[in-house]
Amino acid sequence: MSYNAKNYTEQGGDKTVIGGTLEILEGAQVKGLPSATPAANQADSTASDVEGLVADFNSLLAKLKAAGLMAADSE
């Protein structure tokens, strides 16, 4: 009988493969990952017409792009 592990570290330790679920418990630390920057707050829309709603939505998109949570527009 053979066993294929879903999670393993390759010979030499340069690569670890996670094929199952990685659970990070409270209090644990993960080092070396880039930190996420939250987007600026977008107030609830009070738009009373389509133009106002479009302006609010475009403001939300701009904040997501500025925070790096959405790709910027292509030129």
Protein backbone atom coordinates (compact mmCIF):
# COMPACT_ATOMS: atom_id res chain seq x y z
CA MET A 1 0.00 0.00 0.00
CA SER A 2 1.34 3.43 -0.89
CA TYR A 3 0.51 6.84 0.49
CA ASN A 4 0.66 10.15 -1.35
CA ALA A 5 0.82 13.08 1.07
CA LYS A 6 -1.05 16.24 0.06
CA ASN A 7 1.29 18.38 2.14
CA TYR A 8 5.02 17.91 1.80
CA THR A 9 8.39 19.65 1.68
CA GLU A 10 10.61 18.79 -1.25
CA GLN A 11 14.15 17.51 -0.81
CA GLY A 12 16.37 20.36 0.36
CA GLY A 13 13.48 22.30 1.88
CA ASP A 14 13.23 24.94 -0.87
CA LYS A 15 9.58 24.22 -1.65
CA THR A 16 6.62 23.21 0.51
CA VAL A 17 3.40 22.11 -1.16
CA ILE A 18 0.04 22.49 0.59
CA GLY A 19 -2.57 20.31 -1.10
CA GLY A 20 -5.01 20.18 1.78
CA THR A 21 -6.36 22.92 4.04
CA LEU A 22 -3.97 25.32 5.73
CA GLU A 23 -5.48 26.48 9.02
CA ILE A 24 -3.82 29.36 10.84
CA LEU A 25 -4.87 29.43 14.46
CA GLU A 26 -5.43 32.56 16.54
CA GLY A 27 -2.16 33.98 17.77
CA ALA A 28 -0.10 32.38 14.99
CA GLN A 29 2.23 34.52 12.89
CA VAL A 30 2.96 34.35 9.18
CA LYS A 31 6.14 36.14 8.14
CA GLY A 32 7.24 37.32 4.73
CA LEU A 33 3.87 37.93 3.10
CA PRO A 34 3.03 41.41 1.83
CA SER A 35 0.53 43.17 4.06
CA ALA A 36 -2.87 44.05 2.65
CA THR A 37 -3.80 47.71 2.54
CA PRO A 38 -7.48 48.29 3.20
CA ALA A 39 -9.32 50.53 0.78
CA ALA A 40 -10.45 53.93 1.99
CA ASN A 41 -13.98 54.03 3.35
CA GLN A 42 -16.80 54.61 0.89
CA ALA A 43 -19.84 56.17 2.50
CA ASP A 44 -23.25 54.65 1.81
CA SER A 45 -24.77 56.10 -1.31
CA THR A 46 -27.52 58.66 -0.86
CA ALA A 47 -27.89 59.15 -4.61
CA SER A 48 -31.36 60.04 -5.78
CA ASP A 49 -30.65 59.60 -9.48
CA VAL A 50 -28.58 57.43 -11.79
CA GLU A 51 -25.89 60.08 -12.26
CA GLY A 52 -25.32 60.29 -8.51
CA LEU A 53 -25.17 56.53 -8.20
CA VAL A 54 -22.63 56.34 -11.05
CA ALA A 55 -20.48 58.95 -9.28
CA ASP A 56 -20.62 57.00 -5.99
CA PHE A 57 -19.78 53.74 -7.76
CA ASN A 58 -16.85 55.30 -9.64
CA SER A 59 -15.56 56.69 -6.34
CA LEU A 60 -15.63 53.17 -4.87
CA LEU A 61 -13.75 51.79 -7.89
CA ALA A 62 -11.10 54.51 -7.56
CA LYS A 63 -10.58 53.66 -3.87
CA LEU A 64 -10.21 49.95 -4.63
CA LYS A 65 -7.63 50.72 -7.34
CA ALA A 66 -5.72 53.13 -5.08
CA ALA A 67 -5.50 50.46 -2.36
CA GLY A 68 -4.17 47.93 -4.88
CA LEU A 69 -7.20 45.69 -4.50
CA MET A 70 -8.18 46.12 -8.15
CA ALA A 71 -6.00 46.43 -11.24
CA ALA A 72 -5.63 49.96 -12.56
CA ASP A 73 -7.21 50.95 -15.85
CA SER A 74 -5.13 50.13 -18.90
CA GLU A 75 -4.00 53.05 -20.99
